[in-house]
Amino acid sequence: MLPVKLFGFITSCYLPHILSVSQGAQAVEGLVLKLAANAKCFSTKALENMKKLRLLQLSGVQLDGYFKYLSRNLRWLCWNEFPLTFMPTNFYQNNLVSIQLENSNIKFLWKEMQVLIELNFLHFMNCFQFSFLRRQFSSGSQPF
């Protein structure tokens, strides 16, 4: 049985049901979902009502749809096994402080130039296809 209101963080026992039936919880500030690799695909529309979402930590999860439905208040994105090759252009990222995409398929962070004043931390461990820095510093200059 699904609780009437959920506050703070959603526990894993309720989350698949909430995401499957697109019943976003308005009070949720943090969402952590770790599944076996590519175990389930959820619609981004299921996150539309999570306007207060500030922390999103996913592992083995695929989201289909428009990333514009993710909260504009999102501050921390941690997505292990990020399935896309670049960040979606319709994903509002101006408030992000941290982006962590470990073990991901990411090749380029953005298709277009981005100015993210709040961004302090980028982490791409084991993203072997990631080529942004290689292209940026391929002329022999050093990043530091």
C-alpha atoms as a PDB file:
ATOM      1  CA  MET A   1       0.000   0.000   0.000  1.00  0.00           C
ATOM      2  CA  LEU A   2       1.313   3.440  -0.956  1.00  0.00           C
ATOM      3  CA  PRO A   3       1.383   6.096   1.763  1.00  0.00           C
ATOM      4  CA  VAL A   4      -0.811   9.140   1.160  1.00  0.00           C
ATOM      5  CA  LYS A   5       2.079  11.616   1.511  1.00  0.00           C
ATOM      6  CA  LEU A   6       5.798  11.014   1.312  1.00  0.00           C
ATOM      7  CA  PHE A   7       8.257  13.429   2.871  1.00  0.00           C
ATOM      8  CA  GLY A   8      11.986  13.799   2.336  1.00  0.00           C
ATOM      9  CA  PHE A   9      13.377  10.670   0.729  1.00  0.00           C
ATOM     10  CA  ILE A  10      11.409   7.860  -0.902  1.00  0.00           C
ATOM     11  CA  THR A  11      12.312   4.370   0.242  1.00  0.00           C
ATOM     12  CA  SER A  12      13.116   1.775  -2.393  1.00  0.00           C
ATOM     13  CA  CYS A  13      10.032  -0.347  -1.643  1.00  0.00           C
ATOM     14  CA  TYR A  14       7.665   2.429  -2.830  1.00  0.00           C
ATOM     15  CA  LEU A  15       9.782   3.986  -5.562  1.00  0.00           C
ATOM     16  CA  PRO A  16       9.238   1.530  -8.449  1.00  0.00           C
ATOM     17  CA  HIS A  17       5.468   1.808  -7.961  1.00  0.00           C
ATOM     18  CA  ILE A  18       5.563   5.609  -7.833  1.00  0.00           C
ATOM     19  CA  LEU A  19       7.714   5.856 -10.967  1.00  0.00           C
ATOM     20  CA  SER A  20       5.790   3.196 -12.901  1.00  0.00           C
ATOM     21  CA  VAL A  21       2.417   4.853 -12.483  1.00  0.00           C
ATOM     22  CA  SER A  22       3.757   8.425 -12.762  1.00  0.00           C
ATOM     23  CA  GLN A  23       2.586   9.399  -9.277  1.00  0.00           C
ATOM     24  CA  GLY A  24       5.333  11.863  -8.342  1.00  0.00           C
ATOM     25  CA  ALA A  25       5.520  12.868  -4.713  1.00  0.00           C
ATOM     26  CA  GLN A  26       5.452  16.659  -4.318  1.00  0.00           C
ATOM     27  CA  ALA A  27       7.403  16.785  -1.046  1.00  0.00           C
ATOM     28  CA  VAL A  28      10.327  14.568  -2.147  1.00  0.00           C
ATOM     29  CA  GLU A  29      13.732  16.274  -1.972  1.00  0.00           C
ATOM     30  CA  GLY A  30      15.965  13.279  -2.595  1.00  0.00           C
ATOM     31  CA  LEU A  31      15.574  10.158  -4.667  1.00  0.00           C
ATOM     32  CA  VAL A  32      17.993   7.204  -4.579  1.00  0.00           C
ATOM     33  CA  LEU A  33      17.348   4.191  -6.789  1.00  0.00           C
ATOM     34  CA  LYS A  34      19.870   1.419  -7.342  1.00  0.00           C
ATOM     35  CA  LEU A  35      18.878  -1.496  -9.561  1.00  0.00           C
ATOM     36  CA  ALA A  36      20.676  -4.260 -11.411  1.00  0.00           C
ATOM     37  CA  ALA A  37      22.045  -2.838 -14.680  1.00  0.00           C
ATOM     38  CA  ASN A  38      19.239  -1.775 -17.046  1.00  0.00           C
ATOM     39  CA  ALA A  39      16.706  -3.632 -14.929  1.00  0.00           C
ATOM     40  CA  LYS A  40      13.855  -1.199 -15.453  1.00  0.00           C
ATOM     41  CA  CYS A  41      13.028   1.772 -17.634  1.00  0.00           C
ATOM     42  CA  PHE A  42      11.008   4.637 -16.155  1.00  0.00           C
ATOM     43  CA  SER A  43       9.401   7.676 -17.745  1.00  0.00           C
ATOM     44  CA  THR A  44      10.848  11.100 -16.947  1.00  0.00           C
ATOM     45  CA  LYS A  45       7.242  12.276 -16.676  1.00  0.00           C
ATOM     46  CA  ALA A  46       7.030  10.300 -13.416  1.00  0.00           C
ATOM     47  CA  LEU A  47       9.389  12.882 -11.900  1.00  0.00           C
ATOM     48  CA  GLU A  48       7.391  15.889 -13.083  1.00  0.00           C
ATOM     49  CA  ASN A  49       5.586  16.457  -9.763  1.00  0.00           C
ATOM     50  CA  MET A  50       8.790  16.233  -7.734  1.00  0.00           C
ATOM     51  CA  LYS A  51       9.339  20.000  -7.840  1.00  0.00           C
ATOM     52  CA  LYS A  52      11.465  20.022  -4.667  1.00  0.00           C
ATOM     53  CA  LEU A  53      13.844  17.289  -5.854  1.00  0.00           C
ATOM     54  CA  ARG A  54      17.407  18.409  -5.093  1.00  0.00           C
ATOM     55  CA  LEU A  55      19.275  15.104  -5.025  1.00  0.00           C
ATOM     56  CA  LEU A  56      18.963  12.428  -7.693  1.00  0.00           C
ATOM     57  CA  GLN A  57      21.089   9.304  -7.356  1.00  0.00           C
ATOM     58  CA  LEU A  58      20.480   6.514  -9.865  1.00  0.00           C
ATOM     59  CA  SER A  59      22.285   3.300 -10.671  1.00  0.00           C
ATOM     60  CA  GLY A  60      21.264   0.830 -13.358  1.00  0.00           C
ATOM     61  CA  VAL A  61      18.226   2.961 -14.211  1.00  0.00           C
ATOM     62  CA  GLN A  62      17.148   4.210 -17.610  1.00  0.00           C
ATOM     63  CA  LEU A  63      14.857   7.214 -17.957  1.00  0.00           C
ATOM     64  CA  ASP A  64      12.927   7.696 -21.182  1.00  0.00           C
ATOM     65  CA  GLY A  65      11.272  10.916 -22.234  1.00  0.00           C
ATOM     66  CA  TYR A  66      11.945  14.606 -21.919  1.00  0.00           C
ATOM     67  CA  PHE A  67      14.402  15.592 -19.230  1.00  0.00           C
ATOM     68  CA  LYS A  68      12.602  18.932 -18.875  1.00  0.00           C
ATOM     69  CA  TYR A  69      10.406  17.117 -16.329  1.00  0.00           C
ATOM     70  CA  LEU A  70      13.285  16.882 -13.843  1.00  0.00           C
ATOM     71  CA  SER A  71      13.190  19.464 -11.063  1.00  0.00           C
ATOM     72  CA  ARG A  72      14.738  22.863 -11.740  1.00  0.00           C
ATOM     73  CA  ASN A  73      15.903  22.728  -8.099  1.00  0.00           C
ATOM     74  CA  LEU A  74      18.179  19.748  -8.717  1.00  0.00           C
ATOM     75  CA  ARG A  75      21.568  20.397  -7.091  1.00  0.00           C
ATOM     76  CA  TRP A  76      23.258  16.998  -7.135  1.00  0.00           C
ATOM     77  CA  LEU A  77      23.079  14.436  -9.938  1.00  0.00           C
ATOM     78  CA  CYS A  78      24.783  11.096  -9.403  1.00  0.00           C
ATOM     79  CA  TRP A  79      23.980   8.544 -12.118  1.00  0.00           C
ATOM     80  CA  ASN A  80      26.021   5.362 -12.251  1.00  0.00           C
ATOM     81  CA  GLU A  81      25.716   3.706 -15.685  1.00  0.00           C
ATOM     82  CA  PHE A  82      24.263   6.827 -17.327  1.00  0.00           C
ATOM     83  CA  PRO A  83      22.947   5.339 -20.602  1.00  0.00           C
ATOM     84  CA  LEU A  84      23.151   8.417 -22.872  1.00  0.00           C
ATOM     85  CA  THR A  85      26.174   9.709 -24.805  1.00  0.00           C
ATOM     86  CA  PHE A  86      25.621  13.354 -23.757  1.00  0.00           C
ATOM     87  CA  MET A  87      23.488  15.341 -21.335  1.00  0.00           C
ATOM     88  CA  PRO A  88      20.032  16.043 -22.806  1.00  0.00           C
ATOM     89  CA  THR A  89      19.618  19.595 -24.101  1.00  0.00           C
ATOM     90  CA  ASN A  90      16.158  19.963 -22.510  1.00  0.00           C
ATOM     91  CA  PHE A  91      17.517  19.189 -19.014  1.00  0.00           C
ATOM     92  CA  TYR A  92      17.712  22.332 -16.820  1.00  0.00           C
ATOM     93  CA  GLN A  93      21.143  22.213 -15.183  1.00  0.00           C
ATOM     94  CA  ASN A  94      21.746  25.780 -13.993  1.00  0.00           C
ATOM     95  CA  ASN A  95      21.406  24.919 -10.300  1.00  0.00           C
ATOM     96  CA  LEU A  96      23.575  21.788 -10.370  1.00  0.00           C
ATOM     97  CA  VAL A  97      26.507  21.854  -7.955  1.00  0.00           C
ATOM     98  CA  SER A  98      27.703  18.307  -8.647  1.00  0.00           C
ATOM     99  CA  ILE A  99      27.517  15.956 -11.636  1.00  0.00           C
ATOM    100  CA  GLN A 100      28.761  12.409 -11.120  1.00  0.00           C
ATOM    101  CA  LEU A 101      28.420   9.962 -14.018  1.00  0.00           C
ATOM    102  CA  GLU A 102      30.499   6.892 -13.140  1.00  0.00           C
ATOM    103  CA  ASN A 103      30.664   3.846 -15.437  1.00  0.00           C
ATOM    104  CA  SER A 104      28.628   5.698 -18.036  1.00  0.00           C
ATOM    105  CA  ASN A 105      28.316   5.829 -21.824  1.00  0.00           C
ATOM    106  CA  ILE A 106      28.849   9.589 -21.900  1.00  0.00           C
ATOM    107  CA  LYS A 107      31.034  10.808 -24.782  1.00  0.00           C
ATOM    108  CA  PHE A 108      30.490  14.563 -24.522  1.00  0.00           C
ATOM    109  CA  LEU A 109      29.061  16.388 -21.570  1.00  0.00           C
ATOM    110  CA  TRP A 110      27.002  18.813 -23.647  1.00  0.00           C
ATOM    111  CA  LYS A 111      26.252  19.226 -27.329  1.00  0.00           C
ATOM    112  CA  GLU A 112      26.296  23.012 -26.885  1.00  0.00           C
ATOM    113  CA  MET A 113      28.383  25.279 -24.675  1.00  0.00           C
ATOM    114  CA  GLN A 114      26.982  25.634 -21.146  1.00  0.00           C
ATOM    115  CA  VAL A 115      27.675  28.213 -18.446  1.00  0.00           C
ATOM    116  CA  LEU A 116      26.908  26.642 -15.085  1.00  0.00           C
ATOM    117  CA  ILE A 117      27.876  29.106 -12.377  1.00  0.00           C
ATOM    118  CA  GLU A 118      26.856  26.817  -9.489  1.00  0.00           C
ATOM    119  CA  LEU A 119      28.746  23.742 -10.764  1.00  0.00           C
ATOM    120  CA  ASN A 120      31.682  22.858  -8.492  1.00  0.00           C
ATOM    121  CA  PHE A 121      32.241  19.144  -9.040  1.00  0.00           C
ATOM    122  CA  LEU A 122      32.448  16.915 -12.126  1.00  0.00           C
ATOM    123  CA  HIS A 123      33.217  13.221 -11.734  1.00  0.00           C
ATOM    124  CA  PHE A 124      33.514  10.770 -14.653  1.00  0.00           C
ATOM    125  CA  MET A 125      35.310   7.712 -13.253  1.00  0.00           C
ATOM    126  CA  ASN A 126      35.372   4.728 -15.649  1.00  0.00           C
ATOM    127  CA  CYS A 127      33.718   6.648 -18.481  1.00  0.00           C
ATOM    128  CA  PHE A 128      36.041   5.302 -21.134  1.00  0.00           C
ATOM    129  CA  GLN A 129      34.181   6.895 -24.047  1.00  0.00           C
ATOM    130  CA  PHE A 130      34.311  10.371 -22.527  1.00  0.00           C
ATOM    131  CA  SER A 131      36.328  12.557 -24.909  1.00  0.00           C
ATOM    132  CA  PHE A 132      35.623  16.159 -23.887  1.00  0.00           C
ATOM    133  CA  LEU A 133      38.939  16.680 -22.094  1.00  0.00           C
ATOM    134  CA  ARG A 134      40.922  14.840 -24.757  1.00  0.00           C
ATOM    135  CA  ARG A 135      39.536  17.158 -27.453  1.00  0.00           C
ATOM    136  CA  GLN A 136      39.926  20.231 -25.278  1.00  0.00           C
ATOM    137  CA  PHE A 137      43.618  19.640 -24.536  1.00  0.00           C
ATOM    138  CA  SER A 138      44.727  17.676 -27.598  1.00  0.00           C
ATOM    139  CA  SER A 139      46.824  20.554 -28.945  1.00  0.00           C
ATOM    140  CA  GLY A 140      49.546  19.801 -26.403  1.00  0.00           C
ATOM    141  CA  SER A 141      48.420  22.265 -23.734  1.00  0.00           C
ATOM    142  CA  GLN A 142      47.955  21.027 -20.212  1.00  0.00           C
ATOM    143  CA  PRO A 143      44.644  21.273 -18.302  1.00  0.00           C
ATOM    144  CA  PHE A 144      46.324  22.921 -15.262  1.00  0.00           C
END
